[in-house]
N, C-alpha and C. Protein backbone atom coordinates (compact mmCIF):
# COMPACT_ATOMS: atom_id res chain seq x y z
N MET A 1 13.27 -23.43 -11.22
CA MET A 1 12.46 -23.12 -10.73
C MET A 1 11.25 -23.58 -11.62
N LYS A 2 10.76 -24.66 -10.93
CA LYS A 2 9.66 -25.92 -11.86
C LYS A 2 8.38 -24.58 -11.69
N LYS A 3 7.96 -24.78 -13.04
CA LYS A 3 5.94 -23.92 -13.17
C LYS A 3 4.81 -24.90 -12.21
N PRO A 4 4.02 -24.24 -11.44
CA PRO A 4 3.01 -25.04 -11.31
C PRO A 4 2.62 -25.65 -12.40
N ARG A 5 1.84 -26.95 -12.18
CA ARG A 5 1.09 -27.66 -13.26
C ARG A 5 -0.31 -27.00 -13.51
N VAL A 6 -0.80 -26.64 -14.60
CA VAL A 6 -2.03 -25.85 -14.97
C VAL A 6 -3.27 -27.28 -14.72
N THR A 7 -4.26 -26.89 -13.66
CA THR A 7 -5.02 -27.69 -13.84
C THR A 7 -6.51 -27.06 -14.10
N TYR A 8 -7.30 -27.67 -14.49
CA TYR A 8 -9.04 -27.08 -14.42
C TYR A 8 -9.21 -26.28 -13.60
N ARG A 9 -9.18 -26.94 -12.41
CA ARG A 9 -9.47 -25.70 -10.98
C ARG A 9 -8.80 -24.39 -10.94
N SER A 10 -7.73 -24.35 -11.41
CA SER A 10 -6.75 -23.52 -11.07
C SER A 10 -6.77 -22.53 -12.13
N LEU A 11 -7.52 -22.62 -13.22
CA LEU A 11 -8.43 -22.01 -14.59
C LEU A 11 -9.58 -21.11 -13.62
N GLU A 12 -9.97 -21.51 -12.67
CA GLU A 12 -11.14 -20.59 -12.24
C GLU A 12 -10.66 -19.58 -11.30
N LYS A 13 -9.43 -19.85 -10.95
CA LYS A 13 -9.01 -18.40 -10.18
C LYS A 13 -8.38 -17.54 -10.86
N GLU A 14 -8.65 -15.95 -10.13
CA GLU A 14 -8.34 -14.85 -10.92
C GLU A 14 -6.81 -14.92 -10.64
N PRO A 15 -5.94 -14.36 -12.22
CA PRO A 15 -4.48 -14.49 -12.55
C PRO A 15 -4.00 -13.05 -11.02
N SER A 16 -3.01 -13.64 -10.40
CA SER A 16 -2.36 -12.50 -9.65
C SER A 16 -1.65 -11.51 -10.33
N TYR A 17 -1.46 -10.42 -10.32
CA TYR A 17 -0.66 -9.46 -11.30
C TYR A 17 0.21 -8.96 -10.10
N GLU A 18 0.26 -9.18 -9.04
CA GLU A 18 0.87 -8.50 -7.81
C GLU A 18 2.37 -9.16 -7.93
N HIS A 19 3.34 -8.55 -7.90
CA HIS A 19 4.24 -8.69 -7.98
C HIS A 19 4.88 -9.99 -6.97
N VAL A 20 5.84 -10.79 -6.87
CA VAL A 20 5.98 -11.39 -6.00
C VAL A 20 7.00 -10.63 -4.92
N VAL A 21 7.14 -9.47 -5.37
CA VAL A 21 8.03 -8.59 -4.06
C VAL A 21 6.92 -8.09 -3.05
N ASP A 22 6.30 -7.61 -3.78
CA ASP A 22 5.18 -6.71 -2.86
C ASP A 22 4.46 -7.79 -2.49
N ARG A 23 4.41 -9.12 -3.40
CA ARG A 23 3.57 -10.10 -1.70
C ARG A 23 4.22 -10.51 -1.05
N ALA A 24 5.09 -10.97 -0.87
CA ALA A 24 6.35 -10.81 0.23
C ALA A 24 6.20 -9.92 1.32
N VAL A 25 6.54 -8.80 0.79
CA VAL A 25 6.69 -7.05 1.66
C VAL A 25 5.44 -7.29 2.31
N ARG A 26 4.16 -7.38 1.36
CA ARG A 26 2.35 -7.54 1.95
C ARG A 26 2.51 -8.58 3.51
N MET A 27 2.83 -9.58 3.08
CA MET A 27 2.75 -10.55 3.54
C MET A 27 3.24 -10.88 5.22
N ARG A 28 4.53 -9.93 5.16
CA ARG A 28 5.14 -9.50 6.13
C ARG A 28 5.27 -8.33 7.18
N VAL A 29 4.40 -7.20 6.36
CA VAL A 29 4.11 -6.32 7.50
C VAL A 29 3.16 -6.30 7.88
N GLY A 30 2.33 -7.33 7.21
CA GLY A 30 0.69 -7.48 7.83
C GLY A 30 -0.17 -5.91 7.91
N ARG A 31 -0.20 -5.62 6.70
CA ARG A 31 -1.14 -4.60 6.55
C ARG A 31 -2.40 -4.30 6.83
N ARG A 32 -3.16 -5.20 6.92
CA ARG A 32 -4.82 -5.36 6.94
C ARG A 32 -4.39 -4.54 8.65
N ASP A 33 -3.94 -5.10 9.73
CA ASP A 33 -3.91 -4.38 10.99
C ASP A 33 -3.76 -2.87 11.04
N LEU A 34 -2.52 -2.77 10.41
CA LEU A 34 -1.91 -1.69 10.08
C LEU A 34 -2.86 -0.53 9.88
N ASP A 35 -3.40 -0.85 8.64
CA ASP A 35 -4.57 -0.22 7.85
C ASP A 35 -5.39 -0.01 8.61
N ARG A 36 -6.09 -1.08 9.89
CA ARG A 36 -7.18 -0.59 10.80
C ARG A 36 -6.96 0.58 11.82
N LYS A 37 -5.42 0.28 12.44
CA LYS A 37 -5.14 1.07 13.15
C LYS A 37 -5.32 2.70 12.69
N MET A 38 -4.47 2.65 11.69
CA MET A 38 -4.28 4.00 10.93
C MET A 38 -5.24 4.71 10.63
N ALA A 39 -6.22 4.00 10.32
CA ALA A 39 -7.92 4.69 9.80
C ALA A 39 -8.52 5.03 11.31
N ASN A 40 -8.23 4.03 12.36
CA ASN A 40 -8.85 5.10 13.85
C ASN A 40 -8.09 5.60 14.06
N ALA A 41 -7.09 5.80 14.03
CA ALA A 41 -6.37 7.40 14.69
C ALA A 41 -6.73 8.30 14.04
N SER A 42 -6.43 8.03 12.71
CA SER A 42 -7.02 9.50 11.87
C SER A 42 -8.52 9.56 12.08
N THR A 43 -9.61 8.97 11.99
CA THR A 43 -11.13 9.46 12.12
C THR A 43 -10.71 9.95 13.70
N ALA A 44 -10.18 9.48 14.63
CA ALA A 44 -9.78 10.26 15.94
C ALA A 44 -9.40 11.72 15.84
N ILE A 45 -8.67 11.44 15.02
CA ILE A 45 -7.78 13.22 15.29
C ILE A 45 -8.51 13.97 14.58
N VAL A 46 -9.67 13.89 13.28
CA VAL A 46 -10.19 13.92 12.89
C VAL A 46 -12.01 14.44 13.71
N LYS A 47 -12.02 13.86 14.46
CA LYS A 47 -12.99 14.18 15.74
C LYS A 47 -12.79 15.19 16.85
N ALA A 48 -11.21 15.04 16.99
CA ALA A 48 -10.32 15.93 18.32
C ALA A 48 -10.53 16.85 17.48
N LEU A 49 -10.06 17.46 16.22
CA LEU A 49 -9.72 18.68 15.83
C LEU A 49 -11.12 19.90 16.09
N GLY A 50 -11.97 18.92 15.50
CA GLY A 50 -13.21 19.75 15.12
C GLY A 50 -13.23 20.38 14.19
N PRO A 51 -13.90 21.87 14.32
CA PRO A 51 -13.62 22.65 13.26
C PRO A 51 -12.07 22.75 12.21
N LYS A 52 -11.09 23.09 13.17
CA LYS A 52 -9.88 22.77 12.56
C LYS A 52 -9.21 21.55 11.90
N ARG A 53 -10.27 20.79 11.70
CA ARG A 53 -9.97 19.84 10.71
C ARG A 53 -9.47 19.81 9.28
N ARG A 54 -9.17 20.89 8.89
CA ARG A 54 -8.69 20.89 8.02
C ARG A 54 -7.60 20.75 7.75
N LEU A 55 -6.86 21.05 9.09
CA LEU A 55 -5.24 21.05 9.00
C LEU A 55 -4.65 19.35 9.14
N TRP A 56 -5.63 18.57 9.34
CA TRP A 56 -5.37 17.05 9.27
C TRP A 56 -5.69 16.67 7.58
N PHE A 57 -6.65 17.47 7.14
CA PHE A 57 -6.66 17.09 5.81
C PHE A 57 -5.35 17.24 4.49
N ALA A 58 -4.59 18.60 5.08
CA ALA A 58 -3.66 19.90 4.55
C ALA A 58 -2.67 18.73 4.95
N HIS A 59 -2.40 18.18 5.80
CA HIS A 59 -1.15 17.44 6.58
C HIS A 59 -1.29 15.94 5.70
N GLU A 60 -2.06 15.31 5.19
CA GLU A 60 -2.69 13.65 4.85
C GLU A 60 -2.26 14.25 3.52
N ARG A 61 -2.78 15.65 3.09
CA ARG A 61 -2.02 15.38 1.36
C ARG A 61 -0.81 15.64 1.04
N ALA A 62 -0.38 16.28 2.03
CA ALA A 62 1.42 16.45 1.91
C ALA A 62 2.25 15.07 2.06
N TRP A 63 1.43 14.51 3.00
CA TRP A 63 1.86 12.68 3.19
C TRP A 63 2.09 12.35 2.39
N ASP A 64 0.69 12.33 1.51
CA ASP A 64 0.59 11.46 0.39
C ASP A 64 0.94 11.58 -0.82
N GLU A 65 1.61 12.99 -0.76
CA GLU A 65 2.48 13.77 -2.40
C GLU A 65 3.81 13.13 -1.96
N MET A 66 4.62 13.51 -0.94
CA MET A 66 5.50 12.71 -0.54
C MET A 66 6.54 11.37 -0.54
N ARG A 67 4.59 10.67 -0.36
CA ARG A 67 4.82 8.94 -0.66
C ARG A 67 5.19 9.00 -1.75
N ALA A 68 4.44 9.39 -2.92
CA ALA A 68 4.21 9.41 -4.08
C ALA A 68 5.71 9.34 -4.52
N ARG A 69 6.14 10.57 -4.31
CA ARG A 69 7.13 11.18 -4.94
C ARG A 69 8.49 10.09 -4.61
N ARG A 70 8.24 9.50 -3.36
CA ARG A 70 8.98 8.42 -2.54
C ARG A 70 8.95 7.19 -3.55
N GLU A 71 7.85 6.74 -3.55
CA GLU A 71 8.20 5.89 -4.52
C GLU A 71 8.34 5.64 -5.90
N ALA A 72 7.69 6.90 -6.51
CA ALA A 72 8.61 6.95 -8.18
C ALA A 72 9.72 7.34 -7.90
N ALA A 73 10.56 7.81 -6.60
CA ALA A 73 12.49 7.63 -7.10
C ALA A 73 12.52 6.47 -6.47
N TYR A 74 11.96 5.54 -5.70
CA TYR A 74 11.87 4.46 -5.57
C TYR A 74 12.40 3.48 -7.24
N PHE A 75 11.18 3.74 -7.74
CA PHE A 75 10.94 2.92 -9.23
C PHE A 75 11.64 3.35 -9.95
N ASP A 76 12.21 4.53 -9.74
CA ASP A 76 13.40 5.41 -10.59
C ASP A 76 14.40 4.57 -10.72
N ALA A 77 15.00 4.94 -9.35
CA ALA A 77 16.41 3.86 -8.91
C ALA A 77 16.27 2.62 -9.44
N GLY A 78 15.43 2.00 -8.46
CA GLY A 78 15.50 0.26 -9.27
C GLY A 78 15.54 0.19 -10.89
N VAL A 79 14.79 1.00 -11.80
CA VAL A 79 14.71 0.39 -13.70
C VAL A 79 16.47 0.98 -13.69
N CYS A 80 16.62 2.10 -13.46
CA CYS A 80 17.92 2.53 -13.49
C CYS A 80 19.17 1.57 -13.37
N GLN A 81 19.08 1.04 -12.54
CA GLN A 81 19.92 0.26 -11.91
C GLN A 81 19.68 -1.48 -12.29
N ALA A 82 18.97 -1.61 -12.86
CA ALA A 82 18.81 -2.57 -14.01
C ALA A 82 19.27 -2.85 -14.64
């Protein structure tokens, strides 16, 4: 695969440190639309729960912890397989 030619104009752009696979997945998933939908839904749930909103925040903390552990496990599995 041929490297792109470096030009004066290309030096003005910030370099991307995003992995090529991460970029491809981000483009395919369409994350911005999903992020907006999730944020709106989360706000609506918090408003609907009223005084019981702490339940939702506990749910989000548990979900974040599970996601972080899962991502770490995927990373470790990928590194061990390399």
